[in-house]
């Protein structure tokens, strides 16, 4: 998840969820060069934007 400041007045943020995969078993999370973008989002992250909006709008 990448979070960037969008603007300061009004305060807004930009959130981007990036999925990557490595086909090699046991790939270290530090081996960035072995990962490639994957156009899917795991189901457990499917509601992350709804959750962020809910928590941040309070």
PDB file of N, CA and C in Angstrom:
ATOM      1  N   UNK A   1       0.851  -1.147   0.000  1.00  0.00           N
ATOM      2  CA  UNK A   1       0.000   0.000   0.000  1.00  0.00           C
ATOM      3  C   UNK A   1       0.908   1.225   0.000  1.00  0.00           C
ATOM      4  N   UNK A   2       0.617   2.143  -0.894  1.00  0.00           N
ATOM      5  CA  UNK A   2       1.373   3.386  -1.001  1.00  0.00           C
ATOM      6  C   UNK A   2       0.436   4.525  -0.638  1.00  0.00           C
ATOM      7  N   UNK A   3       0.851   5.330   0.333  1.00  0.00           N
ATOM      8  CA  UNK A   3       0.046   6.464   0.778  1.00  0.00           C
ATOM      9  C   UNK A   3       0.862   7.735   0.551  1.00  0.00           C
ATOM     10  N   UNK A   4       0.252   8.688  -0.162  1.00  0.00           N
ATOM     11  CA  UNK A   4       0.922   9.959  -0.441  1.00  0.00           C
ATOM     12  C   UNK A   4      -0.001  11.103  -0.067  1.00  0.00           C
ATOM     13  N   UNK A   5       0.597  12.201   0.326  1.00  0.00           N
ATOM     14  CA  UNK A   5      -0.169  13.399   0.613  1.00  0.00           C
ATOM     15  C   UNK A   5      -0.699  13.960  -0.697  1.00  0.00           C
ATOM     16  N   UNK A   6      -2.009  14.155  -0.770  1.00  0.00           N
ATOM     17  CA  UNK A   6      -2.613  14.706  -1.976  1.00  0.00           C
ATOM     18  C   UNK A   6      -2.630  16.213  -1.943  1.00  0.00           C
ATOM     19  N   UNK A   7      -3.069  16.787  -0.824  1.00  0.00           N
ATOM     20  CA  UNK A   7      -3.154  18.234  -0.675  1.00  0.00           C
ATOM     21  C   UNK A   7      -3.219  18.545   0.814  1.00  0.00           C
ATOM     22  N   UNK A   8      -2.864  19.769   1.167  1.00  0.00           N
ATOM     23  CA  UNK A   8      -2.907  20.153   2.579  1.00  0.00           C
ATOM     24  C   UNK A   8      -4.156  20.950   2.937  1.00  0.00           C
ATOM     25  N   UNK A   9      -4.828  21.520   1.942  1.00  0.00           N
ATOM     26  CA  UNK A   9      -6.031  22.306   2.229  1.00  0.00           C
ATOM     27  C   UNK A   9      -7.083  22.067   1.161  1.00  0.00           C
ATOM     28  N   UNK A  10      -8.058  21.245   1.386  1.00  0.00           N
ATOM     29  CA  UNK A  10      -8.262  20.425   2.579  1.00  0.00           C
ATOM     30  C   UNK A  10      -7.284  19.245   2.575  1.00  0.00           C
ATOM     31  N   UNK A  11      -7.036  18.723   3.750  1.00  0.00           N
ATOM     32  CA  UNK A  11      -6.098  17.621   3.897  1.00  0.00           C
ATOM     33  C   UNK A  11      -6.631  16.381   3.188  1.00  0.00           C
ATOM     34  N   UNK A  12      -5.898  15.914   2.183  1.00  0.00           N
ATOM     35  CA  UNK A  12      -6.292  14.716   1.438  1.00  0.00           C
ATOM     36  C   UNK A  12      -5.062  13.839   1.206  1.00  0.00           C
ATOM     37  N   UNK A  13      -5.315  12.570   1.097  1.00  0.00           N
ATOM     38  CA  UNK A  13      -4.263  11.595   0.825  1.00  0.00           C
ATOM     39  C   UNK A  13      -4.655  10.769  -0.383  1.00  0.00           C
ATOM     40  N   UNK A  14      -3.659  10.262  -1.090  1.00  0.00           N
ATOM     41  CA  UNK A  14      -3.869   9.330  -2.191  1.00  0.00           C
ATOM     42  C   UNK A  14      -3.358   7.970  -1.743  1.00  0.00           C
ATOM     43  N   UNK A  15      -4.180   6.948  -1.930  1.00  0.00           N
ATOM     44  CA  UNK A  15      -3.821   5.594  -1.510  1.00  0.00           C
ATOM     45  C   UNK A  15      -3.854   4.687  -2.726  1.00  0.00           C
ATOM     46  N   UNK A  16      -2.794   3.914  -2.888  1.00  0.00           N
ATOM     47  CA  UNK A  16      -2.702   2.985  -4.019  1.00  0.00           C
ATOM     48  C   UNK A  16      -2.311   1.614  -3.473  1.00  0.00           C
ATOM     49  N   UNK A  17      -3.062   0.613  -3.865  1.00  0.00           N
ATOM     50  CA  UNK A  17      -2.773  -0.755  -3.466  1.00  0.00           C
ATOM     51  C   UNK A  17      -2.112  -1.456  -4.648  1.00  0.00           C
ATOM     52  N   UNK A  18      -0.909  -1.942  -4.445  1.00  0.00           N
ATOM     53  CA  UNK A  18      -0.137  -2.573  -5.509  1.00  0.00           C
ATOM     54  C   UNK A  18       0.068  -4.038  -5.166  1.00  0.00           C
ATOM     55  N   UNK A  19      -0.252  -4.910  -6.105  1.00  0.00           N
ATOM     56  CA  UNK A  19      -0.027  -6.342  -5.907  1.00  0.00           C
ATOM     57  C   UNK A  19       1.140  -6.780  -6.781  1.00  0.00           C
ATOM     58  N   UNK A  20       2.006  -7.577  -6.194  1.00  0.00           N
ATOM     59  CA  UNK A  20       3.132  -8.146  -6.931  1.00  0.00           C
ATOM     60  C   UNK A  20       3.248  -9.616  -6.573  1.00  0.00           C
ATOM     61  N   UNK A  21       3.853 -10.358  -7.476  1.00  0.00           N
ATOM     62  CA  UNK A  21       4.041 -11.781  -7.213  1.00  0.00           C
ATOM     63  C   UNK A  21       5.406 -12.228  -7.700  1.00  0.00           C
ATOM     64  N   UNK A  22       5.872 -13.299  -7.102  1.00  0.00           N
ATOM     65  CA  UNK A  22       7.094 -13.957  -7.548  1.00  0.00           C
ATOM     66  C   UNK A  22       6.740 -15.414  -7.770  1.00  0.00           C
ATOM     67  N   UNK A  23       7.102 -15.930  -8.883  1.00  0.00           N
ATOM     68  CA  UNK A  23       6.787 -17.337  -9.164  1.00  0.00           C
ATOM     69  C   UNK A  23       7.786 -18.288  -8.514  1.00  0.00           C
ATOM     70  N   UNK A  24       8.894 -17.746  -8.030  1.00  0.00           N
ATOM     71  CA  UNK A  24       9.900 -18.574  -7.383  1.00  0.00           C
ATOM     72  C   UNK A  24       9.513 -18.815  -5.929  1.00  0.00           C
ATOM     73  N   UNK A  25       9.487 -20.059  -5.522  1.00  0.00           N
ATOM     74  CA  UNK A  25       9.117 -20.390  -4.150  1.00  0.00           C
ATOM     75  C   UNK A  25      10.187 -19.916  -3.185  1.00  0.00           C
ATOM     76  N   UNK A  26       9.759 -19.395  -2.038  1.00  0.00           N
ATOM     77  CA  UNK A  26      10.696 -18.969  -1.013  1.00  0.00           C
ATOM     78  C   UNK A  26      11.425 -17.677  -1.324  1.00  0.00           C
ATOM     79  N   UNK A  27      10.891 -16.856  -2.218  1.00  0.00           N
ATOM     80  CA  UNK A  27      11.533 -15.595  -2.569  1.00  0.00           C
ATOM     81  C   UNK A  27      11.520 -14.644  -1.381  1.00  0.00           C
ATOM     82  N   UNK A  28      12.651 -14.047  -1.107  1.00  0.00           N
ATOM     83  CA  UNK A  28      12.754 -13.089  -0.013  1.00  0.00           C
ATOM     84  C   UNK A  28      12.000 -11.811  -0.351  1.00  0.00           C
ATOM     85  N   UNK A  29      11.396 -11.187   0.645  1.00  0.00           N
ATOM     86  CA  UNK A  29      10.689  -9.925   0.420  1.00  0.00           C
ATOM     87  C   UNK A  29      11.664  -8.814   0.046  1.00  0.00           C
ATOM     88  N   UNK A  30      12.944  -9.031   0.267  1.00  0.00           N
ATOM     89  CA  UNK A  30      13.967  -8.038  -0.073  1.00  0.00           C
ATOM     90  C   UNK A  30      14.429  -8.147  -1.526  1.00  0.00           C
ATOM     91  N   UNK A  31      13.994  -9.170  -2.236  1.00  0.00           N
ATOM     92  CA  UNK A  31      14.416  -9.394  -3.625  1.00  0.00           C
ATOM     93  C   UNK A  31      13.426  -8.749  -4.590  1.00  0.00           C
ATOM     94  N   UNK A  32      13.381  -7.426  -4.588  1.00  0.00           N
ATOM     95  CA  UNK A  32      12.427  -6.686  -5.416  1.00  0.00           C
ATOM     96  C   UNK A  32      12.498  -7.063  -6.892  1.00  0.00           C
ATOM     97  N   UNK A  33      13.697  -7.354  -7.379  1.00  0.00           N
ATOM     98  CA  UNK A  33      13.874  -7.638  -8.800  1.00  0.00           C
ATOM     99  C   UNK A  33      13.196  -8.937  -9.237  1.00  0.00           C
ATOM    100  N   UNK A  34      12.845  -9.806  -8.307  1.00  0.00           N
ATOM    101  CA  UNK A  34      12.201 -11.076  -8.635  1.00  0.00           C
ATOM    102  C   UNK A  34      10.679 -10.989  -8.666  1.00  0.00           C
ATOM    103  N   UNK A  35      10.142  -9.828  -8.321  1.00  0.00           N
ATOM    104  CA  UNK A  35       8.689  -9.644  -8.301  1.00  0.00           C
ATOM    105  C   UNK A  35       8.234  -8.891  -9.546  1.00  0.00           C
ATOM    106  N   UNK A  36       7.006  -9.169  -9.944  1.00  0.00           N
ATOM    107  CA  UNK A  36       6.400  -8.430 -11.060  1.00  0.00           C
ATOM    108  C   UNK A  36       4.979  -8.068 -10.672  1.00  0.00           C
ATOM    109  N   UNK A  37       4.462  -7.001 -11.300  1.00  0.00           N
ATOM    110  CA  UNK A  37       3.104  -6.566 -10.980  1.00  0.00           C
ATOM    111  C   UNK A  37       2.095  -7.649 -11.309  1.00  0.00           C
ATOM    112  N   UNK A  38       1.073  -7.698 -10.497  1.00  0.00           N
ATOM    113  CA  UNK A  38       0.012  -8.678 -10.650  1.00  0.00           C
ATOM    114  C   UNK A  38      -1.293  -7.908 -10.580  1.00  0.00           C
ATOM    115  N   UNK A  39      -2.149  -8.065 -11.565  1.00  0.00           N
ATOM    116  CA  UNK A  39      -3.364  -7.245 -11.655  1.00  0.00           C
ATOM    117  C   UNK A  39      -4.530  -7.782 -10.822  1.00  0.00           C
ATOM    118  N   UNK A  40      -4.219  -8.453  -9.750  1.00  0.00           N
ATOM    119  CA  UNK A  40      -5.246  -8.981  -8.842  1.00  0.00           C
ATOM    120  C   UNK A  40      -4.976  -8.477  -7.432  1.00  0.00           C
ATOM    121  N   UNK A  41      -6.030  -8.463  -6.627  1.00  0.00           N
ATOM    122  CA  UNK A  41      -5.901  -8.114  -5.213  1.00  0.00           C
ATOM    123  C   UNK A  41      -6.401  -9.304  -4.417  1.00  0.00           C
ATOM    124  N   UNK A  42      -5.627  -9.728  -3.438  1.00  0.00           N
ATOM    125  CA  UNK A  42      -6.048 -10.848  -2.605  1.00  0.00           C
ATOM    126  C   UNK A  42      -7.361 -10.508  -1.907  1.00  0.00           C
ATOM    127  N   UNK A  43      -8.208 -11.479  -1.740  1.00  0.00           N
ATOM    128  CA  UNK A  43      -9.532 -11.252  -1.141  1.00  0.00           C
ATOM    129  C   UNK A  43      -9.446 -10.587   0.231  1.00  0.00           C
ATOM    130  N   UNK A  44      -8.429 -10.939   1.000  1.00  0.00           N
ATOM    131  CA  UNK A  44      -8.353 -10.371   2.344  1.00  0.00           C
ATOM    132  C   UNK A  44      -8.079  -8.870   2.317  1.00  0.00           C
ATOM    133  N   UNK A  45      -7.661  -8.322   1.184  1.00  0.00           N
ATOM    134  CA  UNK A  45      -7.445  -6.878   1.049  1.00  0.00           C
ATOM    135  C   UNK A  45      -8.551  -6.197   0.247  1.00  0.00           C
ATOM    136  N   UNK A  46      -9.545  -6.932  -0.132  1.00  0.00           N
ATOM    137  CA  UNK A  46     -10.615  -6.400  -0.976  1.00  0.00           C
ATOM    138  C   UNK A  46     -11.393  -5.245  -0.366  1.00  0.00           C
ATOM    139  N   UNK A  47     -11.528  -5.218   0.943  1.00  0.00           N
ATOM    140  CA  UNK A  47     -12.305  -4.172   1.609  1.00  0.00           C
ATOM    141  C   UNK A  47     -11.436  -3.083   2.230  1.00  0.00           C
ATOM    142  N   UNK A  48     -10.170  -3.055   1.902  1.00  0.00           N
ATOM    143  CA  UNK A  48      -9.261  -2.117   2.555  1.00  0.00           C
ATOM    144  C   UNK A  48      -9.652  -0.658   2.297  1.00  0.00           C
ATOM    145  N   UNK A  49     -10.125  -0.333   1.117  1.00  0.00           N
ATOM    146  CA  UNK A  49     -10.488   1.054   0.822  1.00  0.00           C
ATOM    147  C   UNK A  49     -11.751   1.468   1.563  1.00  0.00           C
ATOM    148  N   UNK A  50     -12.722   0.572   1.653  1.00  0.00           N
ATOM    149  CA  UNK A  50     -13.927   0.858   2.439  1.00  0.00           C
ATOM    150  C   UNK A  50     -13.561   1.080   3.907  1.00  0.00           C
ATOM    151  N   UNK A  51     -12.665   0.253   4.409  1.00  0.00           N
ATOM    152  CA  UNK A  51     -12.229   0.374   5.805  1.00  0.00           C
ATOM    153  C   UNK A  51     -11.494   1.699   6.037  1.00  0.00           C
ATOM    154  N   UNK A  52     -10.626   2.077   5.125  1.00  0.00           N
ATOM    155  CA  UNK A  52      -9.918   3.360   5.247  1.00  0.00           C
ATOM    156  C   UNK A  52     -10.888   4.542   5.240  1.00  0.00           C
ATOM    157  N   UNK A  53     -11.818   4.521   4.312  1.00  0.00           N
ATOM    158  CA  UNK A  53     -12.783   5.609   4.229  1.00  0.00           C
ATOM    159  C   UNK A  53     -13.618   5.692   5.505  1.00  0.00           C
ATOM    160  N   UNK A  54     -14.016   4.564   6.017  1.00  0.00           N
ATOM    161  CA  UNK A  54     -14.823   4.525   7.225  1.00  0.00           C
ATOM    162  C   UNK A  54     -14.049   5.091   8.417  1.00  0.00           C
ATOM    163  N   UNK A  55     -12.815   4.681   8.567  1.00  0.00           N
ATOM    164  CA  UNK A  55     -12.020   5.113   9.719  1.00  0.00           C
ATOM    165  C   UNK A  55     -11.562   6.572   9.606  1.00  0.00           C
ATOM    166  N   UNK A  56     -11.260   7.014   8.403  1.00  0.00           N
ATOM    167  CA  UNK A  56     -10.733   8.370   8.236  1.00  0.00           C
ATOM    168  C   UNK A  56     -11.795   9.430   8.157  1.00  0.00           C
ATOM    169  N   UNK A  57     -13.023   9.058   7.888  1.00  0.00           N
ATOM    170  CA  UNK A  57     -14.074  10.073   7.750  1.00  0.00           C
ATOM    171  C   UNK A  57     -14.703  10.455   9.084  1.00  0.00           C
ATOM    172  N   UNK A  58     -14.276   9.826  10.151  1.00  0.00           N
ATOM    173  CA  UNK A  58     -14.853  10.107  11.480  1.00  0.00           C
ATOM    174  C   UNK A  58     -14.258  11.355  12.073  1.00  0.00           C
TER     175      UNK A  58
END
